[in-house]
Amino acid sequence: MILMGTYRMPSNKTEDWWKCFSDLTGKPLPSCIKKWQTFSCLDGDGTKGYNLIYVEEGKGDEGLIEISKMMAPFLEIEGSTFKLEPLMGVTDSLKVLEKTR
């Protein structure tokens, strides 16, 4: 399972974000998460982050719980948001399109 997490943070909250990030640094990822890639960009009055999170097959529920626990401190930052969405590859998307025709 691949999940995309989208995080937004106001520009005046970078110190709060850095504190949360520093607390996570050095800790190993939970075993249900194979890989976690993060990208970011400036977004008007703040920063927007895109997280591609690869979860072990059959461990989707466990992955959602672990990701939520890891992101909870970031959500305590005033004005920040986090949205988590499941993604499909092109092959699976084509399977969906075939069923709808």
PDB file of N, CA and C in Angstrom:
ATOM      1  N   MET A   1       0.849  -1.166   0.000  1.00  0.00           N
ATOM      2  CA  MET A   1       0.000   0.000   0.000  1.00  0.00           C
ATOM      3  C   MET A   1       0.899   1.235   0.000  1.00  0.00           C
ATOM      4  N   ILE A   2       0.503   2.197  -0.825  1.00  0.00           N
ATOM      5  CA  ILE A   2       1.209   3.476  -0.857  1.00  0.00           C
ATOM      6  C   ILE A   2       0.233   4.550  -0.391  1.00  0.00           C
ATOM      7  N   LEU A   3       0.696   5.368   0.539  1.00  0.00           N
ATOM      8  CA  LEU A   3      -0.117   6.457   1.060  1.00  0.00           C
ATOM      9  C   LEU A   3       0.576   7.781   0.764  1.00  0.00           C
ATOM     10  N   MET A   4      -0.225   8.813   0.507  1.00  0.00           N
ATOM     11  CA  MET A   4       0.330  10.148   0.350  1.00  0.00           C
ATOM     12  C   MET A   4      -0.197  11.008   1.486  1.00  0.00           C
ATOM     13  N   GLY A   5       0.728  11.519   2.275  1.00  0.00           N
ATOM     14  CA  GLY A   5       0.376  12.438   3.347  1.00  0.00           C
ATOM     15  C   GLY A   5       0.732  13.845   2.914  1.00  0.00           C
ATOM     16  N   THR A   6      -0.218  14.754   3.026  1.00  0.00           N
ATOM     17  CA  THR A   6       0.005  16.155   2.669  1.00  0.00           C
ATOM     18  C   THR A   6      -0.056  16.977   3.950  1.00  0.00           C
ATOM     19  N   TYR A   7       1.021  17.694   4.219  1.00  0.00           N
ATOM     20  CA  TYR A   7       1.139  18.470   5.453  1.00  0.00           C
ATOM     21  C   TYR A   7       1.295  19.946   5.108  1.00  0.00           C
ATOM     22  N   ARG A   8       0.571  20.800   5.799  1.00  0.00           N
ATOM     23  CA  ARG A   8       0.703  22.260   5.637  1.00  0.00           C
ATOM     24  C   ARG A   8       1.059  22.870   6.987  1.00  0.00           C
ATOM     25  N   MET A   9       1.980  23.844   6.929  1.00  0.00           N
ATOM     26  CA  MET A   9       2.419  24.503   8.143  1.00  0.00           C
ATOM     27  C   MET A   9       2.599  25.996   7.880  1.00  0.00           C
ATOM     28  N   PRO A  10       2.053  26.858   8.756  1.00  0.00           N
ATOM     29  CA  PRO A  10       2.258  28.292   8.598  1.00  0.00           C
ATOM     30  C   PRO A  10       3.743  28.649   8.746  1.00  0.00           C
ATOM     31  N   SER A  11       4.176  29.687   8.031  1.00  0.00           N
ATOM     32  CA  SER A  11       5.597  30.060   8.041  1.00  0.00           C
ATOM     33  C   SER A  11       6.081  30.534   9.405  1.00  0.00           C
ATOM     34  N   ASN A  12       5.183  30.985  10.265  1.00  0.00           N
ATOM     35  CA  ASN A  12       5.611  31.467  11.575  1.00  0.00           C
ATOM     36  C   ASN A  12       5.710  30.353  12.618  1.00  0.00           C
ATOM     37  N   LYS A  13       5.595  29.101  12.200  1.00  0.00           N
ATOM     38  CA  LYS A  13       5.625  27.976  13.145  1.00  0.00           C
ATOM     39  C   LYS A  13       6.810  27.039  12.906  1.00  0.00           C
ATOM     40  N   THR A  14       7.858  27.514  12.227  1.00  0.00           N
ATOM     41  CA  THR A  14       8.986  26.634  11.896  1.00  0.00           C
ATOM     42  C   THR A  14       9.709  26.125  13.144  1.00  0.00           C
ATOM     43  N   GLU A  15       9.806  26.925  14.194  1.00  0.00           N
ATOM     44  CA  GLU A  15      10.470  26.455  15.413  1.00  0.00           C
ATOM     45  C   GLU A  15       9.697  25.317  16.063  1.00  0.00           C
ATOM     46  N   ASP A  16       8.375  25.424  16.073  1.00  0.00           N
ATOM     47  CA  ASP A  16       7.542  24.345  16.623  1.00  0.00           C
ATOM     48  C   ASP A  16       7.703  23.078  15.784  1.00  0.00           C
ATOM     49  N   TRP A  17       7.720  23.247  14.461  1.00  0.00           N
ATOM     50  CA  TRP A  17       7.894  22.106  13.558  1.00  0.00           C
ATOM     51  C   TRP A  17       9.246  21.452  13.798  1.00  0.00           C
ATOM     52  N   TRP A  18      10.288  22.270  13.922  1.00  0.00           N
ATOM     53  CA  TRP A  18      11.638  21.736  14.108  1.00  0.00           C
ATOM     54  C   TRP A  18      11.731  20.912  15.390  1.00  0.00           C
ATOM     55  N   LYS A  19      11.043  21.352  16.435  1.00  0.00           N
ATOM     56  CA  LYS A  19      11.034  20.600  17.696  1.00  0.00           C
ATOM     57  C   LYS A  19      10.415  19.215  17.481  1.00  0.00           C
ATOM     58  N   CYS A  20       9.269  19.155  16.811  1.00  0.00           N
ATOM     59  CA  CYS A  20       8.618  17.862  16.530  1.00  0.00           C
ATOM     60  C   CYS A  20       9.509  16.983  15.668  1.00  0.00           C
ATOM     61  N   PHE A  21      10.099  17.584  14.638  1.00  0.00           N
ATOM     62  CA  PHE A  21      10.959  16.836  13.721  1.00  0.00           C
ATOM     63  C   PHE A  21      12.179  16.286  14.453  1.00  0.00           C
ATOM     64  N   SER A  22      12.791  17.100  15.295  1.00  0.00           N
ATOM     65  CA  SER A  22      13.977  16.673  16.047  1.00  0.00           C
ATOM     66  C   SER A  22      13.656  15.507  16.979  1.00  0.00           C
ATOM     67  N   ASP A  23      12.464  15.512  17.559  1.00  0.00           N
ATOM     68  CA  ASP A  23      12.058  14.416  18.439  1.00  0.00           C
ATOM     69  C   ASP A  23      11.938  13.093  17.682  1.00  0.00           C
ATOM     70  N   LEU A  24      11.610  13.144  16.383  1.00  0.00           N
ATOM     71  CA  LEU A  24      11.478  11.927  15.576  1.00  0.00           C
ATOM     72  C   LEU A  24      12.801  11.450  14.984  1.00  0.00           C
ATOM     73  N   THR A  25      13.721  12.373  14.765  1.00  0.00           N
ATOM     74  CA  THR A  25      14.986  12.047  14.105  1.00  0.00           C
ATOM     75  C   THR A  25      15.743  10.981  14.892  1.00  0.00           C
ATOM     76  N   GLY A  26      16.242  10.024  14.168  1.00  0.00           N
ATOM     77  CA  GLY A  26      17.031   8.961  14.792  1.00  0.00           C
ATOM     78  C   GLY A  26      16.226   7.759  15.231  1.00  0.00           C
ATOM     79  N   LYS A  27      14.914   7.918  15.319  1.00  0.00           N
ATOM     80  CA  LYS A  27      14.083   6.772  15.682  1.00  0.00           C
ATOM     81  C   LYS A  27      13.837   5.934  14.432  1.00  0.00           C
ATOM     82  N   PRO A  28      13.916   4.619  14.540  1.00  0.00           N
ATOM     83  CA  PRO A  28      13.642   3.783  13.363  1.00  0.00           C
ATOM     84  C   PRO A  28      12.158   3.827  12.990  1.00  0.00           C
ATOM     85  N   LEU A  29      11.893   3.638  11.707  1.00  0.00           N
ATOM     86  CA  LEU A  29      10.506   3.545  11.267  1.00  0.00           C
ATOM     87  C   LEU A  29       9.889   2.264  11.819  1.00  0.00           C
ATOM     88  N   PRO A  30       8.602   2.268  12.092  1.00  0.00           N
ATOM     89  CA  PRO A  30       7.933   1.021  12.491  1.00  0.00           C
ATOM     90  C   PRO A  30       8.117  -0.036  11.393  1.00  0.00           C
ATOM     91  N   SER A  31       8.151  -1.286  11.776  1.00  0.00           N
ATOM     92  CA  SER A  31       8.436  -2.368  10.824  1.00  0.00           C
ATOM     93  C   SER A  31       7.401  -2.475   9.702  1.00  0.00           C
ATOM     94  N   CYS A  32       6.190  -1.973   9.919  1.00  0.00           N
ATOM     95  CA  CYS A  32       5.148  -2.050   8.884  1.00  0.00           C
ATOM     96  C   CYS A  32       5.377  -1.021   7.770  1.00  0.00           C
ATOM     97  N   ILE A  33       6.251  -0.050   7.993  1.00  0.00           N
ATOM     98  CA  ILE A  33       6.529   0.977   6.989  1.00  0.00           C
ATOM     99  C   ILE A  33       7.839   0.640   6.292  1.00  0.00           C
ATOM    100  N   LYS A  34       7.757   0.383   4.965  1.00  0.00           N
ATOM    101  CA  LYS A  34       8.941   0.018   4.198  1.00  0.00           C
ATOM    102  C   LYS A  34       9.808   1.219   3.870  1.00  0.00           C
ATOM    103  N   LYS A  35       9.164   2.339   3.518  1.00  0.00           N
ATOM    104  CA  LYS A  35       9.902   3.512   3.057  1.00  0.00           C
ATOM    105  C   LYS A  35       9.038   4.746   3.263  1.00  0.00           C
ATOM    106  N   TRP A  36       9.686   5.871   3.572  1.00  0.00           N
ATOM    107  CA  TRP A  36       8.972   7.137   3.768  1.00  0.00           C
ATOM    108  C   TRP A  36       9.801   8.226   3.117  1.00  0.00           C
ATOM    109  N   GLN A  37       9.276   8.811   2.063  1.00  0.00           N
ATOM    110  CA  GLN A  37       9.957   9.899   1.363  1.00  0.00           C
ATOM    111  C   GLN A  37       9.182  11.191   1.586  1.00  0.00           C
ATOM    112  N   THR A  38       9.903  12.276   1.833  1.00  0.00           N
ATOM    113  CA  THR A  38       9.264  13.569   2.078  1.00  0.00           C
ATOM    114  C   THR A  38       9.803  14.609   1.112  1.00  0.00           C
ATOM    115  N   PHE A  39       8.898  15.399   0.568  1.00  0.00           N
ATOM    116  CA  PHE A  39       9.226  16.502  -0.325  1.00  0.00           C
ATOM    117  C   PHE A  39       8.480  17.727   0.185  1.00  0.00           C
ATOM    118  N   SER A  40       9.025  18.909  -0.049  1.00  0.00           N
ATOM    119  CA  SER A  40       8.321  20.101   0.410  1.00  0.00           C
ATOM    120  C   SER A  40       8.509  21.259  -0.551  1.00  0.00           C
ATOM    121  N   CYS A  41       7.639  22.246  -0.414  1.00  0.00           N
ATOM    122  CA  CYS A  41       7.715  23.452  -1.223  1.00  0.00           C
ATOM    123  C   CYS A  41       7.076  24.598  -0.444  1.00  0.00           C
ATOM    124  N   LEU A  42       7.426  25.809  -0.835  1.00  0.00           N
ATOM    125  CA  LEU A  42       6.776  26.974  -0.241  1.00  0.00           C
ATOM    126  C   LEU A  42       5.384  27.080  -0.824  1.00  0.00           C
ATOM    127  N   ASP A  43       4.437  27.472   0.012  1.00  0.00           N
ATOM    128  CA  ASP A  43       3.043  27.497  -0.422  1.00  0.00           C
ATOM    129  C   ASP A  43       2.361  28.754   0.112  1.00  0.00           C
ATOM    130  N   GLY A  44       2.608  29.880  -0.536  1.00  0.00           N
ATOM    131  CA  GLY A  44       1.978  31.125  -0.111  1.00  0.00           C
ATOM    132  C   GLY A  44       2.471  31.596   1.235  1.00  0.00           C
ATOM    133  N   ASP A  45       1.704  31.327   2.292  1.00  0.00           N
ATOM    134  CA  ASP A  45       2.075  31.811   3.622  1.00  0.00           C
ATOM    135  C   ASP A  45       2.699  30.724   4.494  1.00  0.00           C
ATOM    136  N   GLY A  46       3.215  29.685   3.889  1.00  0.00           N
ATOM    137  CA  GLY A  46       3.813  28.617   4.682  1.00  0.00           C
ATOM    138  C   GLY A  46       4.501  27.578   3.828  1.00  0.00           C
ATOM    139  N   THR A  47       4.593  26.393   4.378  1.00  0.00           N
ATOM    140  CA  THR A  47       5.253  25.276   3.713  1.00  0.00           C
ATOM    141  C   THR A  47       4.253  24.148   3.534  1.00  0.00           C
ATOM    142  N   LYS A  48       4.373  23.470   2.415  1.00  0.00           N
ATOM    143  CA  LYS A  48       3.546  22.306   2.142  1.00  0.00           C
ATOM    144  C   LYS A  48       4.485  21.123   1.937  1.00  0.00           C
ATOM    145  N   GLY A  49       4.188  20.024   2.612  1.00  0.00           N
ATOM    146  CA  GLY A  49       5.002  18.827   2.490  1.00  0.00           C
ATOM    147  C   GLY A  49       4.202  17.682   1.907  1.00  0.00           C
ATOM    148  N   TYR A  50       4.863  16.925   1.036  1.00  0.00           N
ATOM    149  CA  TYR A  50       4.266  15.720   0.465  1.00  0.00           C
ATOM    150  C   TYR A  50       5.063  14.527   0.973  1.00  0.00           C
ATOM    151  N   ASN A  51       4.359  13.559   1.519  1.00  0.00           N
ATOM    152  CA  ASN A  51       4.994  12.365   2.064  1.00  0.00           C
ATOM    153  C   ASN A  51       4.491  11.144   1.311  1.00  0.00           C
ATOM    154  N   LEU A  52       5.397  10.415   0.687  1.00  0.00           N
ATOM    155  CA  LEU A  52       5.046   9.136   0.068  1.00  0.00           C
ATOM    156  C   LEU A  52       5.478   8.050   1.035  1.00  0.00           C
ATOM    157  N   ILE A  53       4.493   7.298   1.519  1.00  0.00           N
ATOM    158  CA  ILE A  53       4.739   6.320   2.566  1.00  0.00           C
ATOM    159  C   ILE A  53       4.357   4.940   2.029  1.00  0.00           C
ATOM    160  N   TYR A  54       5.335   4.043   2.015  1.00  0.00           N
ATOM    161  CA  TYR A  54       5.130   2.689   1.505  1.00  0.00           C
ATOM    162  C   TYR A  54       4.950   1.761   2.703  1.00  0.00           C
ATOM    163  N   VAL A  55       3.778   1.110   2.752  1.00  0.00           N
ATOM    164  CA  VAL A  55       3.432   0.229   3.876  1.00  0.00           C
ATOM    165  C   VAL A  55       3.476  -1.211   3.384  1.00  0.00           C
ATOM    166  N   GLU A  56       3.995  -2.092   4.238  1.00  0.00           N
ATOM    167  CA  GLU A  56       4.063  -3.514   3.905  1.00  0.00           C
ATOM    168  C   GLU A  56       2.685  -4.050   3.521  1.00  0.00           C
ATOM    169  N   GLU A  57       2.654  -4.947   2.551  1.00  0.00           N
ATOM    170  CA  GLU A  57       1.400  -5.551   2.118  1.00  0.00           C
ATOM    171  C   GLU A  57       0.731  -6.266   3.298  1.00  0.00           C
ATOM    172  N   GLY A  58      -0.563  -6.027   3.462  1.00  0.00           N
ATOM    173  CA  GLY A  58      -1.320  -6.645   4.542  1.00  0.00           C
ATOM    174  C   GLY A  58      -1.175  -5.936   5.888  1.00  0.00           C
ATOM    175  N   LYS A  59      -0.444  -4.833   5.919  1.00  0.00           N
ATOM    176  CA  LYS A  59      -0.213  -4.111   7.173  1.00  0.00           C
ATOM    177  C   LYS A  59      -0.784  -2.694   7.118  1.00  0.00           C
ATOM    178  N   GLY A  60      -1.788  -2.484   6.264  1.00  0.00           N
ATOM    179  CA  GLY A  60      -2.361  -1.150   6.076  1.00  0.00           C
ATOM    180  C   GLY A  60      -2.921  -0.544   7.350  1.00  0.00           C
ATOM    181  N   ASP A  61      -3.692  -1.327   8.115  1.00  0.00           N
ATOM    182  CA  ASP A  61      -4.278  -0.809   9.352  1.00  0.00           C
ATOM    183  C   ASP A  61      -3.191  -0.412  10.348  1.00  0.00           C
ATOM    184  N   GLU A  62      -2.215  -1.283  10.505  1.00  0.00           N
ATOM    185  CA  GLU A  62      -1.109  -0.997  11.425  1.00  0.00           C
ATOM    186  C   GLU A  62      -0.336   0.246  10.964  1.00  0.00           C
ATOM    187  N   GLY A  63      -0.127   0.355   9.645  1.00  0.00           N
ATOM    188  CA  GLY A  63       0.571   1.515   9.094  1.00  0.00           C
ATOM    189  C   GLY A  63      -0.170   2.809   9.377  1.00  0.00           C
ATOM    190  N   LEU A  64      -1.493   2.810   9.194  1.00  0.00           N
ATOM    191  CA  LEU A  64      -2.284   4.008   9.469  1.00  0.00           C
ATOM    192  C   LEU A  64      -2.172   4.444  10.928  1.00  0.00           C
ATOM    193  N   ILE A  65      -2.191   3.475  11.825  1.00  0.00           N
ATOM    194  CA  ILE A  65      -2.076   3.790  13.248  1.00  0.00           C
ATOM    195  C   ILE A  65      -0.703   4.387  13.551  1.00  0.00           C
ATOM    196  N   GLU A  66       0.349   3.763  13.039  1.00  0.00           N
ATOM    197  CA  GLU A  66       1.711   4.236  13.312  1.00  0.00           C
ATOM    198  C   GLU A  66       1.960   5.620  12.716  1.00  0.00           C
ATOM    199  N   ILE A  67       1.488   5.840  11.497  1.00  0.00           N
ATOM    200  CA  ILE A  67       1.647   7.150  10.858  1.00  0.00           C
ATOM    201  C   ILE A  67       0.907   8.213  11.664  1.00  0.00           C
ATOM    202  N   SER A  68      -0.293   7.898  12.101  1.00  0.00           N
ATOM    203  CA  SER A  68      -1.087   8.849  12.890  1.00  0.00           C
ATOM    204  C   SER A  68      -0.380   9.195  14.195  1.00  0.00           C
ATOM    205  N   LYS A  69       0.207   8.195  14.853  1.00  0.00           N
ATOM    206  CA  LYS A  69       0.929   8.450  16.094  1.00  0.00           C
ATOM    207  C   LYS A  69       2.146   9.338  15.844  1.00  0.00           C
ATOM    208  N   MET A  70       2.846   9.104  14.736  1.00  0.00           N
ATOM    209  CA  MET A  70       4.031   9.903  14.425  1.00  0.00           C
ATOM    210  C   MET A  70       3.665  11.346  14.069  1.00  0.00           C
ATOM    211  N   MET A  71       2.534  11.549  13.418  1.00  0.00           N
ATOM    212  CA  MET A  71       2.139  12.887  12.970  1.00  0.00           C
ATOM    213  C   MET A  71       1.376  13.682  14.030  1.00  0.00           C
ATOM    214  N   ALA A  72       0.872  13.028  15.062  1.00  0.00           N
ATOM    215  CA  ALA A  72       0.067  13.709  16.084  1.00  0.00           C
ATOM    216  C   ALA A  72       0.751  14.949  16.668  1.00  0.00           C
ATOM    217  N   PRO A  73       2.043  14.905  17.030  1.00  0.00           N
ATOM    218  CA  PRO A  73       2.666  16.118  17.575  1.00  0.00           C
ATOM    219  C   PRO A  73       2.675  17.291  16.588  1.00  0.00           C
ATOM    220  N   PHE A  74       2.815  17.004  15.306  1.00  0.00           N
ATOM    221  CA  PHE A  74       2.810  18.062  14.293  1.00  0.00           C
ATOM    222  C   PHE A  74       1.437  18.739  14.214  1.00  0.00           C
ATOM    223  N   LEU A  75       0.390  17.963  14.463  1.00  0.00           N
ATOM    224  CA  LEU A  75      -0.968  18.503  14.379  1.00  0.00           C
ATOM    225  C   LEU A  75      -1.324  19.380  15.572  1.00  0.00           C
ATOM    226  N   GLU A  76      -0.502  19.343  16.601  1.00  0.00           N
ATOM    227  CA  GLU A  76      -0.715  20.231  17.749  1.00  0.00           C
ATOM    228  C   GLU A  76      -0.213  21.643  17.446  1.00  0.00           C
ATOM    229  N   ILE A  77       0.515  21.805  16.358  1.00  0.00           N
ATOM    230  CA  ILE A  77       1.009  23.123  15.959  1.00  0.00           C
ATOM    231  C   ILE A  77      -0.165  23.901  15.358  1.00  0.00           C
ATOM    232  N   GLU A  78      -0.450  25.046  15.917  1.00  0.00           N
ATOM    233  CA  GLU A  78      -1.582  25.855  15.473  1.00  0.00           C
ATOM    234  C   GLU A  78      -1.472  26.188  13.985  1.00  0.00           C
ATOM    235  N   GLY A  79      -2.543  25.913  13.260  1.00  0.00           N
ATOM    236  CA  GLY A  79      -2.597  26.233  11.836  1.00  0.00           C
ATOM    237  C   GLY A  79      -2.066  25.145  10.915  1.00  0.00           C
ATOM    238  N   SER A  80      -1.572  24.045  11.471  1.00  0.00           N
ATOM    239  CA  SER A  80      -1.061  22.971  10.622  1.00  0.00           C
ATOM    240  C   SER A  80      -2.169  21.961  10.309  1.00  0.00           C
ATOM    241  N   THR A  81      -2.034  21.294   9.176  1.00  0.00           N
ATOM    242  CA  THR A  81      -2.991  20.258   8.779  1.00  0.00           C
ATOM    243  C   THR A  81      -2.234  19.077   8.182  1.00  0.00           C
ATOM    244  N   PHE A  82      -2.853  17.896   8.235  1.00  0.00           N
ATOM    245  CA  PHE A  82      -2.284  16.692   7.640  1.00  0.00           C
ATOM    246  C   PHE A  82      -3.425  15.872   7.063  1.00  0.00           C
ATOM    247  N   LYS A  83      -3.251  15.448   5.829  1.00  0.00           N
ATOM    248  CA  LYS A  83      -4.255  14.624   5.149  1.00  0.00           C
ATOM    249  C   LYS A  83      -3.550  13.391   4.611  1.00  0.00           C
ATOM    250  N   LEU A  84      -4.135  12.220   4.806  1.00  0.00           N
ATOM    251  CA  LEU A  84      -3.551  10.964   4.375  1.00  0.00           C
ATOM    252  C   LEU A  84      -4.481  10.297   3.370  1.00  0.00           C
ATOM    253  N   GLU A  85      -3.936   9.969   2.194  1.00  0.00           N
ATOM    254  CA  GLU A  85      -4.743   9.380   1.124  1.00  0.00           C
ATOM    255  C   GLU A  85      -4.073   8.133   0.570  1.00  0.00           C
ATOM    256  N   PRO A  86      -4.843   7.077   0.292  1.00  0.00           N
ATOM    257  CA  PRO A  86      -4.273   5.901  -0.378  1.00  0.00           C
ATOM    258  C   PRO A  86      -4.081   6.197  -1.866  1.00  0.00           C
ATOM    259  N   LEU A  87      -3.001   5.670  -2.432  1.00  0.00           N
ATOM    260  CA  LEU A  87      -2.725   5.862  -3.857  1.00  0.00           C
ATOM    261  C   LEU A  87      -2.814   4.535  -4.595  1.00  0.00           C
ATOM    262  N   MET A  88      -3.103   4.629  -5.900  1.00  0.00           N
ATOM    263  CA  MET A  88      -3.102   3.465  -6.781  1.00  0.00           C
ATOM    264  C   MET A  88      -2.101   3.701  -7.899  1.00  0.00           C
ATOM    265  N   GLY A  89      -1.442   2.645  -8.316  1.00  0.00           N
ATOM    266  CA  GLY A  89      -0.575   2.721  -9.477  1.00  0.00           C
ATOM    267  C   GLY A  89      -1.419   2.775 -10.750  1.00  0.00           C
ATOM    268  N   VAL A  90      -0.779   3.053 -11.858  1.00  0.00           N
ATOM    269  CA  VAL A  90      -1.490   3.154 -13.135  1.00  0.00           C
ATOM    270  C   VAL A  90      -2.189   1.834 -13.476  1.00  0.00           C
ATOM    271  N   THR A  91      -1.528   0.707 -13.233  1.00  0.00           N
ATOM    272  CA  THR A  91      -2.118  -0.595 -13.551  1.00  0.00           C
ATOM    273  C   THR A  91      -3.440  -0.797 -12.812  1.00  0.00           C
ATOM    274  N   ASP A  92      -3.454  -0.472 -11.523  1.00  0.00           N
ATOM    275  CA  ASP A  92      -4.691  -0.616 -10.749  1.00  0.00           C
ATOM    276  C   ASP A  92      -5.745   0.391 -11.190  1.00  0.00           C
ATOM    277  N   SER A  93      -5.328   1.602 -11.531  1.00  0.00           N
ATOM    278  CA  SER A  93      -6.272   2.611 -12.023  1.00  0.00           C
ATOM    279  C   SER A  93      -6.934   2.134 -13.307  1.00  0.00           C
ATOM    280  N   LEU A  94      -6.158   1.496 -14.191  1.00  0.00           N
ATOM    281  CA  LEU A  94      -6.724   0.970 -15.437  1.00  0.00           C
ATOM    282  C   LEU A  94      -7.735  -0.140 -15.159  1.00  0.00           C
ATOM    283  N   LYS A  95      -7.478  -0.945 -14.127  1.00  0.00           N
ATOM    284  CA  LYS A  95      -8.445  -1.989 -13.747  1.00  0.00           C
ATOM    285  C   LYS A  95      -9.771  -1.349 -13.343  1.00  0.00           C
ATOM    286  N   VAL A  96      -9.728  -0.246 -12.631  1.00  0.00           N
ATOM    287  CA  VAL A  96     -10.928   0.465 -12.204  1.00  0.00           C
ATOM    288  C   VAL A  96     -11.657   0.998 -13.434  1.00  0.00           C
ATOM    289  N   LEU A  97     -10.916   1.586 -14.358  1.00  0.00           N
ATOM    290  CA  LEU A  97     -11.532   2.157 -15.574  1.00  0.00           C
ATOM    291  C   LEU A  97     -12.192   1.066 -16.417  1.00  0.00           C
ATOM    292  N   GLU A  98     -11.577  -0.086 -16.501  1.00  0.00           N
ATOM    293  CA  GLU A  98     -12.156  -1.189 -17.276  1.00  0.00           C
ATOM    294  C   GLU A  98     -13.490  -1.636 -16.683  1.00  0.00           C
ATOM    295  N   LYS A  99     -13.596  -1.651 -15.368  1.00  0.00           N
ATOM    296  CA  LYS A  99     -14.835  -2.089 -14.719  1.00  0.00           C
ATOM    297  C   LYS A  99     -15.955  -1.085 -14.881  1.00  0.00           C
ATOM    298  N   THR A 100     -15.625   0.173 -15.168  1.00  0.00           N
ATOM    299  CA  THR A 100     -16.648   1.184 -15.279  1.00  0.00           C
ATOM    300  C   THR A 100     -17.148   1.357 -16.715  1.00  0.00           C
ATOM    301  N   ARG A 101     -16.562   0.684 -17.646  1.00  0.00           N
ATOM    302  CA  ARG A 101     -16.990   0.807 -19.061  1.00  0.00           C
ATOM    303  C   ARG A 101     -18.081  -0.146 -19.408  1.00  0.00           C
TER     304      ARG A 101
END
